[in-house]
Amino acid sequence: MKFSTKFWLTIFTFLPIVFIILIFIFFFSSFLENIIALETHQKEFPIELIQSFIGYSILIILTALVSIGIKIYYIVHTNNNPTNDTNKKIMWTLILIFGGTVASIVYYFIEITPLKTIK
């Protein structure tokens, strides 16, 4: 496997975790600001709260797309790997389907990292 492929797989494997952390930080920072605004101006609804939902939606969609994309790549990788027998292919496919982002990270460290790098 090429070095550049491993590099991009590393980034895309851990990107959903980074996005989830950003979603929580973004949500709580804007939510707390808007709660304070609601308490001080009880008659007016802060429009910034609704505008911040657009940012949440974009981050959630990006997280889902990256996570699904890396899962599909890893499922194709495990099924095309000639060193894997049928049982191992089925096992990794089921783990990747039902395991979520954690399964992708485990697959990266067990199957992708030990591969020899071609420069």
Foldseek 3Di string as FASTA:
>chain_A
DAPVVLVVLVCLLCVLVVLVVVLVVLVVVQVVVQVVVCVVVVVDHDVVVVVSVVVSVVSVVVSVVSQVVLLVVLLVVLVPDPVDDPVRSVVLNVCSVPVGSVSSVVCCVPPVVPDDHDD
